[in-house]
């Protein structure tokens, strides 16, 4: 069996796991947006769409944007072009000029698009509010390489790494208005006499990737201890965060009233954060959290490079999964993923191992979270 290269990196676990808030949460409302477009791939050397195929008319029209009608006809006859669907994921808070990967899929009867050149293609948010005229968010172009299924025998799909450049930034609606008594958030010594004020402020919510009431409470406490505390020598603070349940932590964006009441020390957040919520979110997400009893167990899979990275505390429970090639992955007794992988690598390809890890996770046999890059 031909073996794909599988790069392995082990991150040692320690009794106390120092991480940041962003390791555990996603910002509610700051979601990834799918972008789509229809484009043309050139340079397919006879592997492109046939001149009388289902995509021929649309492909011919698009080709004429890049050349004359005569050259477009010759390109079609030589099967050197293909009509393709182009998709990408627009991350939240991504800035103009940021590059993101794009995925390419054949729309016609081309035999292969691997190695072809994707011509410049508009990527739009077709699922947004304005469906009649969806906004343009990015442009894509570049050389197509095999990825996932393409390396395993399906050359009609591929990727262009960093193939799209963001043109228009997404404005996520993740900040919400909220009114609350200042005294419900103020802790310690009362100062300035403003504790009975009603604050008409703004909040956002953090959704835990995995529901856990203890972790939600610890995250809220960690944020409160760091975010807004009074001068040294006073026991004054403003609790900006609270756990609503095991899956949600609500965080206040401090206003001028809270700032003047608490008079925070040192280089802590300033009143400008109220008008710059993105910077405040970044501050909160980067707060350090130490969980002595809840180490992070995670597996990160990169389908483009076939790289698997996992922490040493990821475990595999007793059980089996059967892969599509008929091979079996599993263990007779609970082991760390490191121990199990040492045996599995001897007979499985890189893609088989990646598929197996996902199957183990779906079956509840993997103790840890699986992430994709």
Protein backbone atom coordinates (compact mmCIF):
# COMPACT_ATOMS: atom_id res chain seq x y z
CA UNK A 1 0.00 0.00 0.00
CA UNK A 2 1.39 3.44 -0.91
CA UNK A 3 1.75 5.52 2.19
CA UNK A 4 1.09 9.23 2.30
CA UNK A 5 3.40 11.29 4.42
CA UNK A 6 1.84 11.97 7.79
CA UNK A 7 3.56 14.68 9.81
CA UNK A 8 3.15 14.13 13.54
CA UNK A 9 3.76 16.62 16.33
CA UNK A 10 3.25 15.79 19.99
CA UNK A 11 2.52 18.53 22.46
CA UNK A 12 3.36 17.36 25.97
CA UNK A 13 0.70 17.71 28.66
CA UNK A 14 1.51 19.12 32.09
CA UNK A 15 -0.39 18.87 35.40
CA UNK A 16 -1.56 22.47 35.04
CA UNK A 17 -2.64 23.53 31.56
CA UNK A 18 -2.09 27.24 30.86
CA UNK A 19 -4.27 28.41 28.01
CA UNK A 20 -6.23 31.44 26.91
CA UNK A 21 -9.97 32.05 26.83
CA UNK A 22 -10.06 31.63 23.04
CA UNK A 23 -8.97 27.99 23.39
CA UNK A 24 -12.40 27.19 24.82
CA UNK A 25 -14.92 29.48 23.12
CA UNK A 26 -16.32 31.01 19.95
CA UNK A 27 -17.79 34.53 19.84
CA UNK A 28 -21.56 34.26 19.41
CA UNK A 29 -22.64 35.88 16.13
CA UNK A 30 -19.08 36.09 14.78
CA UNK A 31 -19.57 33.17 12.44
CA UNK A 32 -17.68 32.02 9.40
CA UNK A 33 -19.52 32.96 6.19
CA UNK A 34 -19.51 30.74 3.10
CA UNK A 35 -18.58 32.43 -0.17
CA UNK A 36 -19.29 31.02 -3.62
CA UNK A 37 -18.57 31.81 -7.24
CA UNK A 38 -18.49 30.32 -10.73
CA UNK A 39 -15.17 30.41 -12.54
CA UNK A 40 -13.00 29.11 -15.35
CA UNK A 41 -9.93 26.88 -15.14
CA UNK A 42 -7.44 26.98 -18.02
CA UNK A 43 -4.38 24.94 -18.97
CA UNK A 44 -5.98 21.50 -18.68
CA UNK A 45 -4.23 19.98 -21.72
CA UNK A 46 -7.18 18.04 -23.11
CA UNK A 47 -8.72 17.14 -19.74
CA UNK A 48 -11.25 19.96 -19.70
CA UNK A 49 -14.95 20.18 -20.55
CA UNK A 50 -16.07 18.81 -23.91
CA UNK A 51 -17.23 21.39 -26.50
CA UNK A 52 -20.70 19.84 -26.62
CA UNK A 53 -21.05 19.10 -22.92
CA UNK A 54 -23.67 20.51 -20.51
CA UNK A 55 -21.42 23.40 -19.47
CA UNK A 56 -20.27 24.43 -22.97
CA UNK A 57 -22.50 27.49 -23.44
CA UNK A 58 -21.81 28.99 -20.01
CA UNK A 59 -18.11 28.21 -20.31
CA UNK A 60 -17.91 29.84 -23.74
CA UNK A 61 -19.53 33.02 -22.42
CA UNK A 62 -17.09 33.20 -19.51
CA UNK A 63 -14.08 32.52 -21.73
CA UNK A 64 -14.97 35.51 -23.88
CA UNK A 65 -14.38 37.74 -20.83
CA UNK A 66 -10.71 36.76 -21.02
CA UNK A 67 -10.21 36.48 -24.81
CA UNK A 68 -11.86 36.78 -28.21
CA UNK A 69 -14.69 34.52 -29.34
CA UNK A 70 -12.30 32.77 -31.75
CA UNK A 71 -9.80 31.92 -29.02
CA UNK A 72 -12.65 30.85 -26.74
CA UNK A 73 -13.90 28.44 -29.40
CA UNK A 74 -10.42 27.00 -29.95
CA UNK A 75 -9.95 26.53 -26.21
CA UNK A 76 -13.24 24.65 -25.97
CA UNK A 77 -12.42 22.43 -28.93
CA UNK A 78 -9.05 21.51 -27.41
CA UNK A 79 -10.69 20.73 -24.04
CA UNK A 80 -8.26 23.03 -22.29
CA UNK A 81 -10.83 24.75 -20.05
CA UNK A 82 -13.41 23.78 -17.45
CA UNK A 83 -16.35 25.45 -15.75
CA UNK A 84 -15.99 25.19 -11.97
CA UNK A 85 -17.69 26.10 -8.73
CA UNK A 86 -15.46 28.01 -6.32
CA UNK A 87 -16.11 28.09 -2.57
CA UNK A 88 -14.35 29.59 0.45
CA UNK A 89 -14.96 30.33 4.13
CA UNK A 90 -14.77 33.98 5.21
CA UNK A 91 -13.51 34.03 8.81
CA UNK A 92 -14.99 36.51 11.32
CA UNK A 93 -12.92 39.65 11.85
CA UNK A 94 -10.82 38.91 8.75
CA UNK A 95 -9.35 42.13 7.37
CA UNK A 96 -9.17 43.43 3.82
CA UNK A 97 -6.17 41.92 2.05
CA UNK A 98 -6.18 38.69 4.08
CA UNK A 99 -5.69 35.55 1.98
CA UNK A 100 -7.83 32.42 2.45
CA UNK A 101 -7.95 28.97 0.83
CA UNK A 102 -10.50 28.18 -1.88
CA UNK A 103 -11.98 24.85 -2.94
CA UNK A 104 -12.64 24.08 -6.62
CA UNK A 105 -15.19 21.58 -7.99
CA UNK A 106 -15.98 20.69 -11.60
CA UNK A 107 -19.34 21.89 -12.90
CA UNK A 108 -19.09 20.10 -16.26
CA UNK A 109 -17.61 16.88 -17.64
CA UNK A 110 -13.90 17.67 -17.27
CA UNK A 111 -11.68 14.69 -16.45
CA UNK A 112 -9.25 16.61 -14.26
CA UNK A 113 -8.65 20.15 -13.03
CA UNK A 114 -5.47 19.40 -11.05
CA UNK A 115 -2.60 21.61 -12.22
CA UNK A 116 -4.92 24.00 -14.02
CA UNK A 117 -5.04 27.75 -13.43
CA UNK A 118 -8.16 29.27 -11.90
CA UNK A 119 -8.86 32.58 -13.63
CA UNK A 120 -9.91 35.52 -11.47
CA UNK A 121 -13.30 34.75 -9.93
CA UNK A 122 -15.68 36.85 -7.82
CA UNK A 123 -16.69 35.28 -4.50
CA UNK A 124 -19.98 36.45 -3.02
CA UNK A 125 -22.17 35.80 0.01
CA UNK A 126 -25.16 34.27 -1.75
CA UNK A 127 -26.84 33.38 1.55
CA UNK A 128 -26.89 36.93 2.87
CA UNK A 129 -29.70 39.44 3.13
CA UNK A 130 -29.37 40.82 -0.41
CA UNK A 131 -29.81 37.70 -2.54
CA UNK A 132 -30.67 39.56 -5.74
CA UNK A 133 -27.34 41.37 -5.68
CA UNK A 134 -25.07 39.51 -3.23
CA UNK A 135 -22.08 41.56 -2.07
CA UNK A 136 -18.59 40.85 -3.36
CA UNK A 137 -16.27 39.79 -0.52
CA UNK A 138 -13.21 38.32 -2.25
CA UNK A 139 -11.44 37.52 -5.51
CA UNK A 140 -9.90 34.12 -6.19
CA UNK A 141 -7.29 32.86 -8.65
CA UNK A 142 -4.25 30.58 -8.80
CA UNK A 143 -2.87 27.10 -9.50
CA UNK A 144 -5.05 24.16 -8.39
CA UNK A 145 -3.54 21.35 -6.33
CA UNK A 146 -5.00 18.04 -5.19
CA UNK A 147 -6.54 17.83 -1.74
CA UNK A 148 -8.29 15.04 0.14
CA UNK A 149 -10.29 13.06 -2.42
CA UNK A 150 -8.26 14.48 -5.30
CA UNK A 151 -5.15 12.66 -4.09
CA UNK A 152 -7.17 9.50 -3.60
CA UNK A 153 -8.47 9.29 -7.15
CA UNK A 154 -10.91 12.17 -7.69
CA UNK A 155 -9.12 14.80 -9.79
CA UNK A 156 -12.30 16.83 -10.38
CA UNK A 157 -11.91 18.63 -7.04
CA UNK A 158 -8.96 20.58 -5.69
CA UNK A 159 -7.83 23.63 -3.75
CA UNK A 160 -5.91 26.84 -4.30
CA UNK A 161 -4.03 27.51 -1.04
CA UNK A 162 -4.33 31.19 -0.10
CA UNK A 163 -6.06 31.60 -3.44
CA UNK A 164 -8.60 34.26 -2.44
CA UNK A 165 -7.91 37.81 -1.26
CA UNK A 166 -10.55 39.48 0.90
CA UNK A 167 -11.85 42.67 -0.67
CA UNK A 168 -14.70 43.57 1.67
CA UNK A 169 -14.72 42.96 5.43
CA UNK A 170 -17.65 41.20 7.05
CA UNK A 171 -19.42 43.18 9.77
CA UNK A 172 -20.73 40.56 12.21
CA UNK A 173 -23.66 41.49 14.44
CA UNK A 174 -22.30 40.09 17.67
CA UNK A 175 -22.64 43.08 20.00
CA UNK A 176 -26.05 43.50 21.68
CA UNK A 177 -27.51 46.37 23.75
CA UNK A 178 -28.30 45.66 27.40
CA UNK A 179 -29.43 47.64 30.48
CA UNK A 180 -28.33 46.57 33.98
CA UNK A 181 -27.85 48.11 37.46
CA UNK A 182 -24.23 48.96 38.11
CA UNK A 183 -24.50 47.54 41.65
CA UNK A 184 -25.18 44.06 40.21
CA UNK A 185 -21.72 44.09 38.69
CA UNK A 186 -19.76 46.19 41.18
CA UNK A 187 -17.81 44.26 43.81
CA UNK A 188 -15.80 45.37 46.86
CA UNK A 189 -15.60 48.88 48.25
CA UNK A 190 -18.10 51.35 46.78
CA UNK A 191 -16.61 54.55 45.43
CA UNK A 192 -17.79 57.70 43.65
CA UNK A 193 -21.42 57.07 44.67
CA UNK A 194 -22.41 55.77 41.22
CA UNK A 195 -23.21 52.20 42.23
CA UNK A 196 -27.01 52.69 41.85
CA UNK A 197 -26.75 53.90 38.27
CA UNK A 198 -28.50 52.00 35.48
CA UNK A 199 -26.03 51.25 32.75
CA UNK A 200 -27.29 51.10 29.19
CA UNK A 201 -24.40 49.26 27.76
CA UNK A 202 -23.45 46.56 25.32
CA UNK A 203 -22.60 42.91 25.73
CA UNK A 204 -21.43 39.94 23.70
CA UNK A 205 -21.54 36.24 24.41
CA UNK A 206 -18.93 33.51 24.29
CA UNK A 207 -20.15 30.02 23.37
CA UNK A 208 -18.13 27.14 24.80
CA UNK A 209 -17.06 24.62 22.18
CA UNK A 210 -18.03 21.88 24.60
CA UNK A 211 -20.63 22.48 27.30
CA UNK A 212 -19.16 22.36 30.81
CA UNK A 213 -20.58 24.37 33.72
CA UNK A 214 -17.31 24.26 35.68
CA UNK A 215 -15.24 25.55 32.77
CA UNK A 216 -17.83 28.27 31.99
CA UNK A 217 -17.62 29.48 35.60
CA UNK A 218 -13.81 29.36 35.60
CA UNK A 219 -13.65 31.33 32.37
CA UNK A 220 -15.95 34.03 33.77
CA UNK A 221 -13.83 34.26 36.93
CA UNK A 222 -10.61 34.49 34.94
CA UNK A 223 -12.02 37.31 32.81
CA UNK A 224 -13.28 39.19 35.88
CA UNK A 225 -9.95 38.94 37.69
CA UNK A 226 -8.10 40.41 34.72
CA UNK A 227 -10.53 42.73 32.99
CA UNK A 228 -11.56 45.57 35.33
CA UNK A 229 -10.08 45.94 38.81
CA UNK A 230 -9.53 49.06 40.88
CA UNK A 231 -6.34 50.62 42.22
CA UNK A 232 -3.93 48.46 44.18
CA UNK A 233 -4.84 48.56 47.88
CA UNK A 234 -8.59 48.68 47.22
CA UNK A 235 -10.98 45.77 46.93
CA UNK A 236 -12.90 47.25 44.06
CA UNK A 237 -13.84 45.64 40.80
CA UNK A 238 -16.47 45.36 38.10
CA UNK A 239 -17.54 41.89 37.04
CA UNK A 240 -17.69 42.16 33.27
CA UNK A 241 -18.35 38.42 32.79
CA UNK A 242 -20.84 35.88 34.11
CA UNK A 243 -21.64 32.30 33.18
CA UNK A 244 -25.26 32.07 31.99
CA UNK A 245 -25.11 28.27 31.77
CA UNK A 246 -22.64 25.53 30.93
CA UNK A 247 -22.37 26.69 27.34
CA UNK A 248 -22.45 30.50 27.50
CA UNK A 249 -20.43 33.28 29.13
CA UNK A 250 -21.80 36.82 28.81
CA UNK A 251 -19.29 39.69 28.75
CA UNK A 252 -20.00 43.40 29.19
CA UNK A 253 -18.12 45.97 27.14
CA UNK A 254 -17.07 48.50 29.83
CA UNK A 255 -18.46 52.00 29.42
CA UNK A 256 -17.20 55.30 30.77
CA UNK A 257 -19.43 54.90 33.86
CA UNK A 258 -17.82 51.61 34.86
CA UNK A 259 -14.38 53.00 34.17
CA UNK A 260 -14.89 56.08 36.36
CA UNK A 261 -16.46 54.01 39.14
CA UNK A 262 -13.70 51.44 39.34
CA UNK A 263 -10.70 53.57 38.30
CA UNK A 264 -8.68 50.56 37.11
CA UNK A 265 -4.97 50.33 37.73
CA UNK A 266 -2.00 49.99 35.45
CA UNK A 267 -2.35 49.18 31.77
CA UNK A 268 -5.77 47.58 31.99
CA UNK A 269 -8.61 48.27 29.53
CA UNK A 270 -9.45 51.89 28.87
CA UNK A 271 -12.76 53.65 28.07
CA UNK A 272 -11.92 53.54 24.37
CA UNK A 273 -12.85 49.86 24.29
CA UNK A 274 -16.54 50.80 24.38
CA UNK A 275 -16.18 52.34 20.95
CA UNK A 276 -13.74 49.66 19.79
CA UNK A 277 -15.42 46.34 20.70
CA UNK A 278 -13.14 44.27 18.48
CA UNK A 279 -10.10 45.31 20.53
CA UNK A 280 -12.02 44.50 23.72
CA UNK A 281 -12.90 41.04 22.40
CA UNK A 282 -9.26 40.45 21.52
CA UNK A 283 -8.26 41.50 25.04
CA UNK A 284 -10.78 39.10 26.60
CA UNK A 285 -9.92 36.16 24.32
CA UNK A 286 -6.21 36.48 25.13
CA UNK A 287 -6.68 36.37 28.91
CA UNK A 288 -4.75 33.45 30.39
CA UNK A 289 -6.70 30.62 32.01
CA UNK A 290 -5.20 27.85 34.14
CA UNK A 291 -7.30 24.70 34.60
CA UNK A 292 -5.64 22.17 36.89
CA UNK A 293 -8.24 19.44 36.33
CA UNK A 294 -9.32 20.07 32.73
CA UNK A 295 -6.35 19.81 30.36
CA UNK A 296 -7.11 20.49 26.74
CA UNK A 297 -7.24 17.34 24.64
CA UNK A 298 -7.34 18.23 20.96
CA UNK A 299 -6.49 16.81 17.55
CA UNK A 300 -5.90 19.26 14.69
CA UNK A 301 -6.11 17.94 11.11
CA UNK A 302 -4.84 19.81 8.06
CA UNK A 303 -6.34 18.12 4.98
CA UNK A 304 -4.12 20.03 2.56
CA UNK A 305 -0.77 19.03 4.05
CA UNK A 306 -2.01 15.74 5.59
CA UNK A 307 -0.70 16.92 8.95
CA UNK A 308 -2.14 15.68 12.23
CA UNK A 309 -1.21 17.44 15.47
CA UNK A 310 -2.46 16.29 18.87
CA UNK A 311 -1.85 16.90 22.54
CA UNK A 312 -0.46 14.04 24.59
CA UNK A 313 -3.63 13.76 26.69
CA UNK A 314 -5.89 12.67 23.79
CA UNK A 315 -7.08 9.11 24.43
CA UNK A 316 -8.80 6.34 22.47
CA UNK A 317 -11.48 4.24 24.18
CA UNK A 318 -11.85 0.52 23.63
CA UNK A 319 -13.64 -0.15 20.34
CA UNK A 320 -13.31 -0.50 16.56
CA UNK A 321 -14.16 1.37 13.36
CA UNK A 322 -14.00 -0.05 9.82
CA UNK A 323 -12.56 2.22 7.14
CA UNK A 324 -13.88 2.38 3.58
CA UNK A 325 -10.90 0.33 2.36
CA UNK A 326 -11.84 -2.47 4.77
CA UNK A 327 -9.06 -1.88 7.31
CA UNK A 328 -9.94 -1.74 11.00
CA UNK A 329 -8.80 0.89 13.50
CA UNK A 330 -9.27 0.50 17.24
CA UNK A 331 -7.79 -0.64 20.56
CA UNK A 332 -8.48 -3.49 23.00
CA UNK A 333 -8.08 -1.21 26.01
CA UNK A 334 -8.00 2.54 26.52
CA UNK A 335 -4.76 4.08 25.28
CA UNK A 336 -3.38 7.48 24.48
CA UNK A 337 -3.61 8.46 20.83
CA UNK A 338 0.18 8.54 20.77
CA UNK A 339 0.34 4.85 21.74
CA UNK A 340 -2.42 3.84 19.32
CA UNK A 341 -0.95 5.81 16.41
CA UNK A 342 2.39 4.01 16.75
CA UNK A 343 0.64 0.77 15.77
CA UNK A 344 -1.80 2.18 13.20
CA UNK A 345 0.86 3.91 11.08
CA UNK A 346 2.42 0.60 10.08
CA UNK A 347 -0.39 -0.44 7.76
CA UNK A 348 -2.45 2.63 6.87
CA UNK A 349 -1.99 5.59 4.54
CA UNK A 350 -2.09 9.17 5.78
CA UNK A 351 -5.61 9.71 4.43
CA UNK A 352 -6.77 6.45 6.04
CA UNK A 353 -5.47 7.62 9.40
CA UNK A 354 -7.23 10.97 9.06
CA UNK A 355 -10.49 9.26 8.07
CA UNK A 356 -10.08 6.85 10.98
CA UNK A 357 -9.56 9.62 13.53
CA UNK A 358 -12.74 11.34 12.35
CA UNK A 359 -14.65 8.03 12.47
CA UNK A 360 -13.43 7.36 16.03
CA UNK A 361 -14.54 10.83 17.04
CA UNK A 362 -17.98 10.36 15.45
CA UNK A 363 -18.39 7.05 17.29
CA UNK A 364 -17.52 8.63 20.65
CA UNK A 365 -14.32 6.60 20.99
CA UNK A 366 -11.94 9.56 20.91
CA UNK A 367 -11.47 11.46 24.19
CA UNK A 368 -10.67 14.93 22.87
CA UNK A 369 -11.84 17.48 20.33
CA UNK A 370 -11.10 17.19 16.61
CA UNK A 371 -10.42 20.43 14.73
CA UNK A 372 -9.85 21.00 11.01
CA UNK A 373 -7.62 23.65 9.45
